[in-house]
Amino acid sequence: MDKRSSSERAGYRSSCKGPILHCPVFLSGKKIAHIWCAKNSEEYAAGYTMVISALDLEDRIKAVLVWSERMAQAARQGLPPREALELWRQEPEHLEAGGVPAGTPVEELPDEEALGRVVEPGYVPIPIPEELGGEPEQSQDDSDFLLFGMDRWNDFAPETIGKTYDSWTGQPVHYLPVSLQSRVIGYLWASATDDAADFQPLRPQEVVHNRAYGWWVGEFMRLRGSGVSPLEALRSRIGAPEDPRGGGIDADAQERVAASLDELKEIAQR
């Protein structure tokens, strides 16, 4: 009898806390991603972490779809993550999703953060004042920090004008769930018509949501500076390495549309 929970049978967890096993994925001789699984089988986690700079948006989406289906199929078949990783290593190179070169060994890393450094070694986030995303001082309780954090964001807001997307739109918004350590902490959204995109935290907000918001402001500044549209920015984060402050979007996350920002805020209301 399969003793795993129904959620585990539906799919692997998208993050883990301990060591991971991983292999690089190449397409036409270029590294485009890493596939990985938790070393500890009890964590029941596996994923596909892409090299954002390796492919354009359309090709990244094609690759993600192939690997997402492979992972979903392996989970449905009840394969433990380590067996699934071994199976994926043996897949021939796919025309759109690539493959693991023959003879490539499985390597171990201490955690997902270390994998992120391997996947994108040259990535340096745009710096923002540490207090915007840092830990609260021990003398502050959570409610004090929330007020303090929002006041500091108001001080910092002028520095982001013209450097990031608008934080409001009257049009429908496309959105994706953002998770941190397998817990949904909010939604990343973008407009298909306006120059608008932002992070909508779960409500009521907690300290972790302010830290995440700070990280996403910097990330959107980076993306807008590279010239991508809000919708491209949103989709480019699918399957990217999870940040320890900002979280991440699962490779198999389903993009949805809300009729308005108000509707999305209702969705974010816990």
C-alpha atoms as a PDB file:
ATOM      1  CA  MET A   1       0.000   0.000   0.000  1.00  0.00           C
ATOM      2  CA  ASP A   2       1.236   3.511  -0.845  1.00  0.00           C
ATOM      3  CA  LYS A   3       1.662   5.260   2.524  1.00  0.00           C
ATOM      4  CA  ARG A   4       2.414   8.684   1.065  1.00  0.00           C
ATOM      5  CA  SER A   5      -0.120  11.466   1.467  1.00  0.00           C
ATOM      6  CA  SER A   6      -2.395  12.435  -1.412  1.00  0.00           C
ATOM      7  CA  SER A   7      -0.404  15.680  -1.849  1.00  0.00           C
ATOM      8  CA  GLU A   8       2.819  13.691  -2.204  1.00  0.00           C
ATOM      9  CA  ARG A   9       1.269  11.355  -4.766  1.00  0.00           C
ATOM     10  CA  ALA A  10       0.132  14.417  -6.721  1.00  0.00           C
ATOM     11  CA  GLY A  11       3.667  15.740  -7.111  1.00  0.00           C
ATOM     12  CA  TYR A  12       7.076  16.204  -5.572  1.00  0.00           C
ATOM     13  CA  ARG A  13       7.684  19.015  -3.121  1.00  0.00           C
ATOM     14  CA  SER A  14       9.384  21.971  -4.793  1.00  0.00           C
ATOM     15  CA  SER A  15      11.921  22.709  -2.062  1.00  0.00           C
ATOM     16  CA  CYS A  16      13.826  20.989   0.720  1.00  0.00           C
ATOM     17  CA  LYS A  17      15.930  22.035   3.698  1.00  0.00           C
ATOM     18  CA  GLY A  18      18.781  19.549   3.529  1.00  0.00           C
ATOM     19  CA  PRO A  19      21.364  18.311   1.013  1.00  0.00           C
ATOM     20  CA  ILE A  20      20.395  17.857  -2.622  1.00  0.00           C
ATOM     21  CA  LEU A  21      21.593  15.701  -5.509  1.00  0.00           C
ATOM     22  CA  HIS A  22      21.754  17.351  -8.917  1.00  0.00           C
ATOM     23  CA  CYS A  23      22.811  17.102 -12.566  1.00  0.00           C
ATOM     24  CA  PRO A  24      23.207  19.786 -15.253  1.00  0.00           C
ATOM     25  CA  VAL A  25      20.890  19.829 -18.274  1.00  0.00           C
ATOM     26  CA  PHE A  26      22.331  20.808 -21.659  1.00  0.00           C
ATOM     27  CA  LEU A  27      20.623  21.808 -24.903  1.00  0.00           C
ATOM     28  CA  SER A  28      22.759  21.901 -28.068  1.00  0.00           C
ATOM     29  CA  GLY A  29      25.898  22.108 -25.939  1.00  0.00           C
ATOM     30  CA  LYS A  30      24.653  24.928 -23.688  1.00  0.00           C
ATOM     31  CA  LYS A  31      23.784  24.440 -20.023  1.00  0.00           C
ATOM     32  CA  ILE A  32      20.165  25.509 -19.550  1.00  0.00           C
ATOM     33  CA  ALA A  33      19.225  24.099 -16.131  1.00  0.00           C
ATOM     34  CA  HIS A  34      19.852  21.636 -13.328  1.00  0.00           C
ATOM     35  CA  ILE A  35      17.564  18.813 -12.264  1.00  0.00           C
ATOM     36  CA  TRP A  36      17.729  17.871  -8.604  1.00  0.00           C
ATOM     37  CA  CYS A  37      16.181  15.904  -5.768  1.00  0.00           C
ATOM     38  CA  ALA A  38      16.434  15.863  -1.993  1.00  0.00           C
ATOM     39  CA  LYS A  39      19.088  13.477  -0.699  1.00  0.00           C
ATOM     40  CA  ASN A  40      16.791  12.636   2.197  1.00  0.00           C
ATOM     41  CA  SER A  41      13.973  10.565   0.702  1.00  0.00           C
ATOM     42  CA  GLU A  42      11.618  11.636   3.496  1.00  0.00           C
ATOM     43  CA  GLU A  43      11.596  15.180   2.113  1.00  0.00           C
ATOM     44  CA  TYR A  44      10.088  13.836  -1.143  1.00  0.00           C
ATOM     45  CA  ALA A  45      11.343  16.830  -3.135  1.00  0.00           C
ATOM     46  CA  ALA A  46      12.597  17.248  -6.688  1.00  0.00           C
ATOM     47  CA  GLY A  47      12.787  20.084  -9.170  1.00  0.00           C
ATOM     48  CA  TYR A  48      14.072  21.734 -12.318  1.00  0.00           C
ATOM     49  CA  THR A  49      16.070  24.933 -11.801  1.00  0.00           C
ATOM     50  CA  MET A  50      16.755  26.871 -14.975  1.00  0.00           C
ATOM     51  CA  VAL A  51      19.643  29.094 -15.988  1.00  0.00           C
ATOM     52  CA  ILE A  52      17.651  32.257 -16.684  1.00  0.00           C
ATOM     53  CA  SER A  53      20.247  33.722 -19.052  1.00  0.00           C
ATOM     54  CA  ALA A  54      20.617  30.586 -21.188  1.00  0.00           C
ATOM     55  CA  LEU A  55      17.431  30.786 -23.263  1.00  0.00           C
ATOM     56  CA  ASP A  56      14.944  33.407 -24.335  1.00  0.00           C
ATOM     57  CA  LEU A  57      11.547  33.485 -22.635  1.00  0.00           C
ATOM     58  CA  GLU A  58       9.681  31.405 -25.215  1.00  0.00           C
ATOM     59  CA  ASP A  59      12.302  28.644 -25.190  1.00  0.00           C
ATOM     60  CA  ARG A  60      12.477  28.655 -21.372  1.00  0.00           C
ATOM     61  CA  ILE A  61       8.734  28.078 -21.204  1.00  0.00           C
ATOM     62  CA  LYS A  62       8.965  25.192 -23.696  1.00  0.00           C
ATOM     63  CA  ALA A  63      11.689  23.517 -21.639  1.00  0.00           C
ATOM     64  CA  VAL A  64       9.835  24.043 -18.362  1.00  0.00           C
ATOM     65  CA  LEU A  65       6.685  22.432 -19.763  1.00  0.00           C
ATOM     66  CA  VAL A  66       8.566  19.297 -20.809  1.00  0.00           C
ATOM     67  CA  TRP A  67      10.362  18.882 -17.488  1.00  0.00           C
ATOM     68  CA  SER A  68       7.234  19.673 -15.483  1.00  0.00           C
ATOM     69  CA  GLU A  69       5.367  16.898 -17.269  1.00  0.00           C
ATOM     70  CA  ARG A  70       8.237  14.463 -16.678  1.00  0.00           C
ATOM     71  CA  MET A  71       8.214  15.239 -12.973  1.00  0.00           C
ATOM     72  CA  ALA A  72       4.449  15.018 -12.704  1.00  0.00           C
ATOM     73  CA  GLN A  73       4.469  11.676 -14.503  1.00  0.00           C
ATOM     74  CA  ALA A  74       7.216  10.251 -12.281  1.00  0.00           C
ATOM     75  CA  ALA A  75       5.320  11.343  -9.168  1.00  0.00           C
ATOM     76  CA  ARG A  76       2.093   9.799 -10.463  1.00  0.00           C
ATOM     77  CA  GLN A  77       3.965   6.532 -11.004  1.00  0.00           C
ATOM     78  CA  GLY A  78       5.100   6.640  -7.379  1.00  0.00           C
ATOM     79  CA  LEU A  79       8.822   6.898  -8.134  1.00  0.00           C
ATOM     80  CA  PRO A  80      10.919   8.131  -5.186  1.00  0.00           C
ATOM     81  CA  PRO A  81      12.766  11.347  -6.110  1.00  0.00           C
ATOM     82  CA  ARG A  82      16.189   9.662  -6.338  1.00  0.00           C
ATOM     83  CA  GLU A  83      14.857   7.017  -8.717  1.00  0.00           C
ATOM     84  CA  ALA A  84      13.177   9.730 -10.765  1.00  0.00           C
ATOM     85  CA  LEU A  85      16.441  11.677 -10.999  1.00  0.00           C
ATOM     86  CA  GLU A  86      18.208   8.563 -12.265  1.00  0.00           C
ATOM     87  CA  LEU A  87      15.462   8.050 -14.844  1.00  0.00           C
ATOM     88  CA  TRP A  88      15.712  11.652 -16.059  1.00  0.00           C
ATOM     89  CA  ARG A  89      19.504  11.328 -16.397  1.00  0.00           C
ATOM     90  CA  GLN A  90      18.977   8.544 -18.909  1.00  0.00           C
ATOM     91  CA  GLU A  91      16.499  10.431 -21.093  1.00  0.00           C
ATOM     92  CA  PRO A  92      17.862  11.260 -24.574  1.00  0.00           C
ATOM     93  CA  GLU A  93      18.338  14.956 -25.330  1.00  0.00           C
ATOM     94  CA  HIS A  94      14.985  16.555 -26.091  1.00  0.00           C
ATOM     95  CA  LEU A  95      14.828  19.072 -28.942  1.00  0.00           C
ATOM     96  CA  GLU A  96      13.351  21.735 -26.644  1.00  0.00           C
ATOM     97  CA  ALA A  97      14.139  20.589 -23.099  1.00  0.00           C
ATOM     98  CA  GLY A  98      17.667  19.236 -23.483  1.00  0.00           C
ATOM     99  CA  GLY A  99      19.094  16.389 -21.453  1.00  0.00           C
ATOM    100  CA  VAL A 100      21.873  15.252 -19.135  1.00  0.00           C
ATOM    101  CA  PRO A 101      25.020  14.345 -21.125  1.00  0.00           C
ATOM    102  CA  ALA A 102      25.965  10.670 -20.943  1.00  0.00           C
ATOM    103  CA  GLY A 103      28.440   9.947 -18.176  1.00  0.00           C
ATOM    104  CA  THR A 104      27.606  13.067 -16.163  1.00  0.00           C
ATOM    105  CA  PRO A 105      27.826  12.177 -12.451  1.00  0.00           C
ATOM    106  CA  VAL A 106      25.257  13.064  -9.844  1.00  0.00           C
ATOM    107  CA  GLU A 107      26.760  15.631  -7.491  1.00  0.00           C
ATOM    108  CA  GLU A 108      25.779  16.691  -3.995  1.00  0.00           C
ATOM    109  CA  LEU A 109      25.289  20.191  -2.589  1.00  0.00           C
ATOM    110  CA  PRO A 110      24.465  21.218   0.995  1.00  0.00           C
ATOM    111  CA  ASP A 111      21.183  22.954   0.127  1.00  0.00           C
ATOM    112  CA  GLU A 112      19.106  24.723  -2.526  1.00  0.00           C
ATOM    113  CA  GLU A 113      20.844  28.036  -1.919  1.00  0.00           C
ATOM    114  CA  ALA A 114      24.132  26.424  -2.938  1.00  0.00           C
ATOM    115  CA  LEU A 115      22.454  25.134  -6.099  1.00  0.00           C
ATOM    116  CA  GLY A 116      21.320  28.656  -6.901  1.00  0.00           C
ATOM    117  CA  ARG A 117      24.946  29.818  -6.780  1.00  0.00           C
ATOM    118  CA  VAL A 118      25.955  27.014  -9.142  1.00  0.00           C
ATOM    119  CA  VAL A 119      23.112  27.720 -11.565  1.00  0.00           C
ATOM    120  CA  GLU A 120      23.580  31.513 -11.723  1.00  0.00           C
ATOM    121  CA  PRO A 121      27.124  32.214 -10.405  1.00  0.00           C
ATOM    122  CA  GLY A 122      27.220  35.740 -11.810  1.00  0.00           C
ATOM    123  CA  TYR A 123      23.845  36.888 -10.512  1.00  0.00           C
ATOM    124  CA  VAL A 124      24.055  39.776  -8.054  1.00  0.00           C
ATOM    125  CA  PRO A 125      20.726  41.234  -6.840  1.00  0.00           C
ATOM    126  CA  ILE A 126      20.298  44.995  -7.011  1.00  0.00           C
ATOM    127  CA  PRO A 127      21.067  46.228  -3.486  1.00  0.00           C
ATOM    128  CA  ILE A 128      18.247  47.717  -1.459  1.00  0.00           C
ATOM    129  CA  PRO A 129      18.510  49.070   2.103  1.00  0.00           C
ATOM    130  CA  GLU A 130      18.933  46.070   4.390  1.00  0.00           C
ATOM    131  CA  GLU A 131      16.249  47.196   6.792  1.00  0.00           C
ATOM    132  CA  LEU A 132      13.671  46.815   4.036  1.00  0.00           C
ATOM    133  CA  GLY A 133      14.165  43.077   3.921  1.00  0.00           C
ATOM    134  CA  GLY A 134      16.207  42.275   7.005  1.00  0.00           C
ATOM    135  CA  GLU A 135      15.316  40.721  10.295  1.00  0.00           C
ATOM    136  CA  PRO A 136      13.584  42.880  12.916  1.00  0.00           C
ATOM    137  CA  GLU A 137      15.577  43.959  15.931  1.00  0.00           C
ATOM    138  CA  GLN A 138      15.011  41.799  18.974  1.00  0.00           C
ATOM    139  CA  SER A 139      13.418  44.693  20.818  1.00  0.00           C
ATOM    140  CA  GLN A 140      10.652  44.914  18.231  1.00  0.00           C
ATOM    141  CA  ASP A 141       7.618  42.687  18.066  1.00  0.00           C
ATOM    142  CA  ASP A 142       6.134  41.717  14.724  1.00  0.00           C
ATOM    143  CA  SER A 143       3.508  44.461  14.703  1.00  0.00           C
ATOM    144  CA  ASP A 144       6.135  47.137  15.376  1.00  0.00           C
ATOM    145  CA  PHE A 145       8.280  45.790  12.572  1.00  0.00           C
ATOM    146  CA  LEU A 146       5.371  45.765  10.124  1.00  0.00           C
ATOM    147  CA  LEU A 147       4.703  49.439  10.792  1.00  0.00           C
ATOM    148  CA  PHE A 148       8.414  50.244  10.725  1.00  0.00           C
ATOM    149  CA  GLY A 149       8.856  48.303   7.499  1.00  0.00           C
ATOM    150  CA  MET A 150       6.033  50.070   5.690  1.00  0.00           C
ATOM    151  CA  ASP A 151       7.308  53.479   6.810  1.00  0.00           C
ATOM    152  CA  ARG A 152      10.746  52.628   5.452  1.00  0.00           C
ATOM    153  CA  TRP A 153       9.204  51.518   2.167  1.00  0.00           C
ATOM    154  CA  ASN A 154       7.522  54.917   1.892  1.00  0.00           C
ATOM    155  CA  ASP A 155      10.950  56.542   2.368  1.00  0.00           C
ATOM    156  CA  PHE A 156      12.504  54.272  -0.237  1.00  0.00           C
ATOM    157  CA  ALA A 157       9.698  54.557  -2.829  1.00  0.00           C
ATOM    158  CA  PRO A 158      11.070  57.671  -4.632  1.00  0.00           C
ATOM    159  CA  GLU A 159      14.268  55.744  -5.461  1.00  0.00           C
ATOM    160  CA  THR A 160      12.244  53.162  -7.422  1.00  0.00           C
ATOM    161  CA  ILE A 161      10.250  55.616  -9.580  1.00  0.00           C
ATOM    162  CA  GLY A 162      10.977  54.976 -13.234  1.00  0.00           C
ATOM    163  CA  LYS A 163      13.166  51.990 -12.351  1.00  0.00           C
ATOM    164  CA  THR A 164      10.490  49.383 -11.778  1.00  0.00           C
ATOM    165  CA  TYR A 165       6.982  48.600 -12.964  1.00  0.00           C
ATOM    166  CA  ASP A 166       3.895  50.452 -11.774  1.00  0.00           C
ATOM    167  CA  SER A 167       2.314  48.908  -8.696  1.00  0.00           C
ATOM    168  CA  TRP A 168      -1.273  49.572  -9.800  1.00  0.00           C
ATOM    169  CA  THR A 169      -3.420  48.847 -12.842  1.00  0.00           C
ATOM    170  CA  GLY A 170      -7.121  49.047 -13.561  1.00  0.00           C
ATOM    171  CA  GLN A 171      -6.858  46.107 -15.952  1.00  0.00           C
ATOM    172  CA  PRO A 172      -7.020  42.332 -15.330  1.00  0.00           C
ATOM    173  CA  VAL A 173      -3.795  40.846 -13.935  1.00  0.00           C
ATOM    174  CA  HIS A 174      -1.981  37.582 -14.592  1.00  0.00           C
ATOM    175  CA  TYR A 175      -0.634  36.036 -11.401  1.00  0.00           C
ATOM    176  CA  LEU A 176       1.408  33.124 -10.046  1.00  0.00           C
ATOM    177  CA  PRO A 177       1.839  31.849  -6.464  1.00  0.00           C
ATOM    178  CA  VAL A 178       5.143  32.558  -4.716  1.00  0.00           C
ATOM    179  CA  SER A 179       6.318  29.953  -2.207  1.00  0.00           C
ATOM    180  CA  LEU A 180       9.023  29.942   0.438  1.00  0.00           C
ATOM    181  CA  GLN A 181      10.032  26.558   1.847  1.00  0.00           C
ATOM    182  CA  SER A 182       6.885  24.975   0.344  1.00  0.00           C
ATOM    183  CA  ARG A 183       4.608  27.612   1.897  1.00  0.00           C
ATOM    184  CA  VAL A 184       2.703  30.105  -0.262  1.00  0.00           C
ATOM    185  CA  ILE A 185       3.566  33.636   0.890  1.00  0.00           C
ATOM    186  CA  GLY A 186       1.925  35.702  -1.837  1.00  0.00           C
ATOM    187  CA  TYR A 187       1.373  36.220  -5.544  1.00  0.00           C
ATOM    188  CA  LEU A 188       3.465  37.786  -8.269  1.00  0.00           C
ATOM    189  CA  TRP A 189       1.297  39.603 -10.785  1.00  0.00           C
ATOM    190  CA  ALA A 190       1.640  41.487 -14.050  1.00  0.00           C
ATOM    191  CA  SER A 191      -0.578  43.343 -16.482  1.00  0.00           C
ATOM    192  CA  ALA A 192      -0.690  42.281 -20.131  1.00  0.00           C
ATOM    193  CA  THR A 193      -1.572  45.828 -21.255  1.00  0.00           C
ATOM    194  CA  ASP A 194      -0.137  48.298 -18.712  1.00  0.00           C
ATOM    195  CA  ASP A 195       3.469  48.700 -17.552  1.00  0.00           C
ATOM    196  CA  ALA A 196       2.519  47.259 -14.167  1.00  0.00           C
ATOM    197  CA  ALA A 197       3.688  44.344 -12.016  1.00  0.00           C
ATOM    198  CA  ASP A 198       4.203  43.772  -8.296  1.00  0.00           C
ATOM    199  CA  PHE A 199       4.241  41.275  -5.439  1.00  0.00           C
ATOM    200  CA  GLN A 200       0.969  40.839  -3.535  1.00  0.00           C
ATOM    201  CA  PRO A 201       1.672  39.269  -0.122  1.00  0.00           C
ATOM    202  CA  LEU A 202      -0.851  37.173   1.737  1.00  0.00           C
ATOM    203  CA  ARG A 203      -3.027  39.213   4.064  1.00  0.00           C
ATOM    204  CA  PRO A 204      -2.747  40.043   6.893  1.00  0.00           C
ATOM    205  CA  GLN A 205       0.963  40.576   6.325  1.00  0.00           C
ATOM    206  CA  GLU A 206       3.680  39.087   8.492  1.00  0.00           C
ATOM    207  CA  VAL A 207       7.383  39.904   8.804  1.00  0.00           C
ATOM    208  CA  VAL A 208       8.278  37.274   6.199  1.00  0.00           C
ATOM    209  CA  HIS A 209       6.059  39.054   3.669  1.00  0.00           C
ATOM    210  CA  ASN A 210       7.883  42.364   4.118  1.00  0.00           C
ATOM    211  CA  ARG A 211      11.215  40.629   3.578  1.00  0.00           C
ATOM    212  CA  ALA A 212       9.854  39.031   0.410  1.00  0.00           C
ATOM    213  CA  TYR A 213       8.417  42.313  -0.833  1.00  0.00           C
ATOM    214  CA  GLY A 214      11.807  43.969  -0.432  1.00  0.00           C
ATOM    215  CA  TRP A 215      13.465  41.293  -2.508  1.00  0.00           C
ATOM    216  CA  TRP A 216      10.878  41.479  -5.301  1.00  0.00           C
ATOM    217  CA  VAL A 217      11.255  45.252  -5.595  1.00  0.00           C
ATOM    218  CA  GLY A 218      14.937  44.738  -6.343  1.00  0.00           C
ATOM    219  CA  GLU A 219      14.234  41.867  -8.727  1.00  0.00           C
ATOM    220  CA  PHE A 220      11.663  43.869 -10.700  1.00  0.00           C
ATOM    221  CA  MET A 221      14.115  46.763 -10.922  1.00  0.00           C
ATOM    222  CA  ARG A 222      16.628  44.349 -12.446  1.00  0.00           C
ATOM    223  CA  LEU A 223      14.095  42.887 -14.889  1.00  0.00           C
ATOM    224  CA  ARG A 224      12.705  46.223 -16.019  1.00  0.00           C
ATOM    225  CA  GLY A 225      16.249  47.466 -16.488  1.00  0.00           C
ATOM    226  CA  SER A 226      16.841  44.575 -18.888  1.00  0.00           C
ATOM    227  CA  GLY A 227      13.952  45.788 -21.044  1.00  0.00           C
ATOM    228  CA  VAL A 228      11.402  43.006 -20.565  1.00  0.00           C
ATOM    229  CA  SER A 229       7.667  43.638 -20.339  1.00  0.00           C
ATOM    230  CA  PRO A 230       5.791  43.024 -17.059  1.00  0.00           C
ATOM    231  CA  LEU A 231       4.280  39.789 -18.370  1.00  0.00           C
ATOM    232  CA  GLU A 232       7.678  38.574 -19.590  1.00  0.00           C
ATOM    233  CA  ALA A 233       9.146  39.446 -16.188  1.00  0.00           C
ATOM    234  CA  LEU A 234       6.444  37.423 -14.440  1.00  0.00           C
ATOM    235  CA  ARG A 235       6.928  34.363 -16.639  1.00  0.00           C
ATOM    236  CA  SER A 236      10.717  34.557 -16.533  1.00  0.00           C
ATOM    237  CA  ARG A 237      10.636  33.720 -12.813  1.00  0.00           C
ATOM    238  CA  ILE A 238       8.857  30.384 -13.313  1.00  0.00           C
ATOM    239  CA  GLY A 239      11.201  27.653 -12.133  1.00  0.00           C
ATOM    240  CA  ALA A 240      13.998  30.067 -11.195  1.00  0.00           C
ATOM    241  CA  PRO A 241      16.027  29.325  -8.026  1.00  0.00           C
ATOM    242  CA  GLU A 242      14.127  30.034  -4.811  1.00  0.00           C
ATOM    243  CA  ASP A 243      15.574  33.004  -2.954  1.00  0.00           C
ATOM    244  CA  PRO A 244      15.823  32.615   0.845  1.00  0.00           C
ATOM    245  CA  ARG A 245      14.024  35.959   1.301  1.00  0.00           C
ATOM    246  CA  GLY A 246      11.836  36.362  -1.788  1.00  0.00           C
ATOM    247  CA  GLY A 247      10.832  32.771  -2.356  1.00  0.00           C
ATOM    248  CA  GLY A 248      10.195  31.406  -5.822  1.00  0.00           C
ATOM    249  CA  ILE A 249       7.652  30.173  -8.360  1.00  0.00           C
ATOM    250  CA  ASP A 250       7.412  26.439  -8.975  1.00  0.00           C
ATOM    251  CA  ALA A 251       8.263  25.209 -12.457  1.00  0.00           C
ATOM    252  CA  ASP A 252       4.787  23.691 -12.779  1.00  0.00           C
ATOM    253  CA  ALA A 253       2.872  26.667 -11.340  1.00  0.00           C
ATOM    254  CA  GLN A 254      -0.322  27.504 -13.227  1.00  0.00           C
ATOM    255  CA  GLU A 255      -0.689  31.086 -14.456  1.00  0.00           C
ATOM    256  CA  ARG A 256      -4.130  32.500 -13.672  1.00  0.00           C
ATOM    257  CA  VAL A 257      -5.958  35.749 -14.384  1.00  0.00           C
ATOM    258  CA  ALA A 258      -7.811  37.941 -11.884  1.00  0.00           C
ATOM    259  CA  ALA A 259     -10.327  40.485 -13.134  1.00  0.00           C
ATOM    260  CA  SER A 260      -8.702  43.228 -11.063  1.00  0.00           C
ATOM    261  CA  LEU A 261      -6.168  43.909  -8.333  1.00  0.00           C
ATOM    262  CA  ASP A 262      -9.020  44.007  -5.831  1.00  0.00           C
ATOM    263  CA  GLU A 263      -9.964  40.473  -6.815  1.00  0.00           C
ATOM    264  CA  LEU A 264      -6.359  39.330  -6.373  1.00  0.00           C
ATOM    265  CA  LYS A 265      -6.253  40.947  -2.930  1.00  0.00           C
ATOM    266  CA  GLU A 266      -9.358  38.959  -1.993  1.00  0.00           C
ATOM    267  CA  ILE A 267      -7.597  35.798  -3.153  1.00  0.00           C
ATOM    268  CA  ALA A 268      -4.606  36.749  -0.983  1.00  0.00           C
ATOM    269  CA  GLN A 269      -6.840  37.208   2.083  1.00  0.00           C
ATOM    270  CA  ARG A 270      -6.232  34.238   4.396  1.00  0.00           C
END
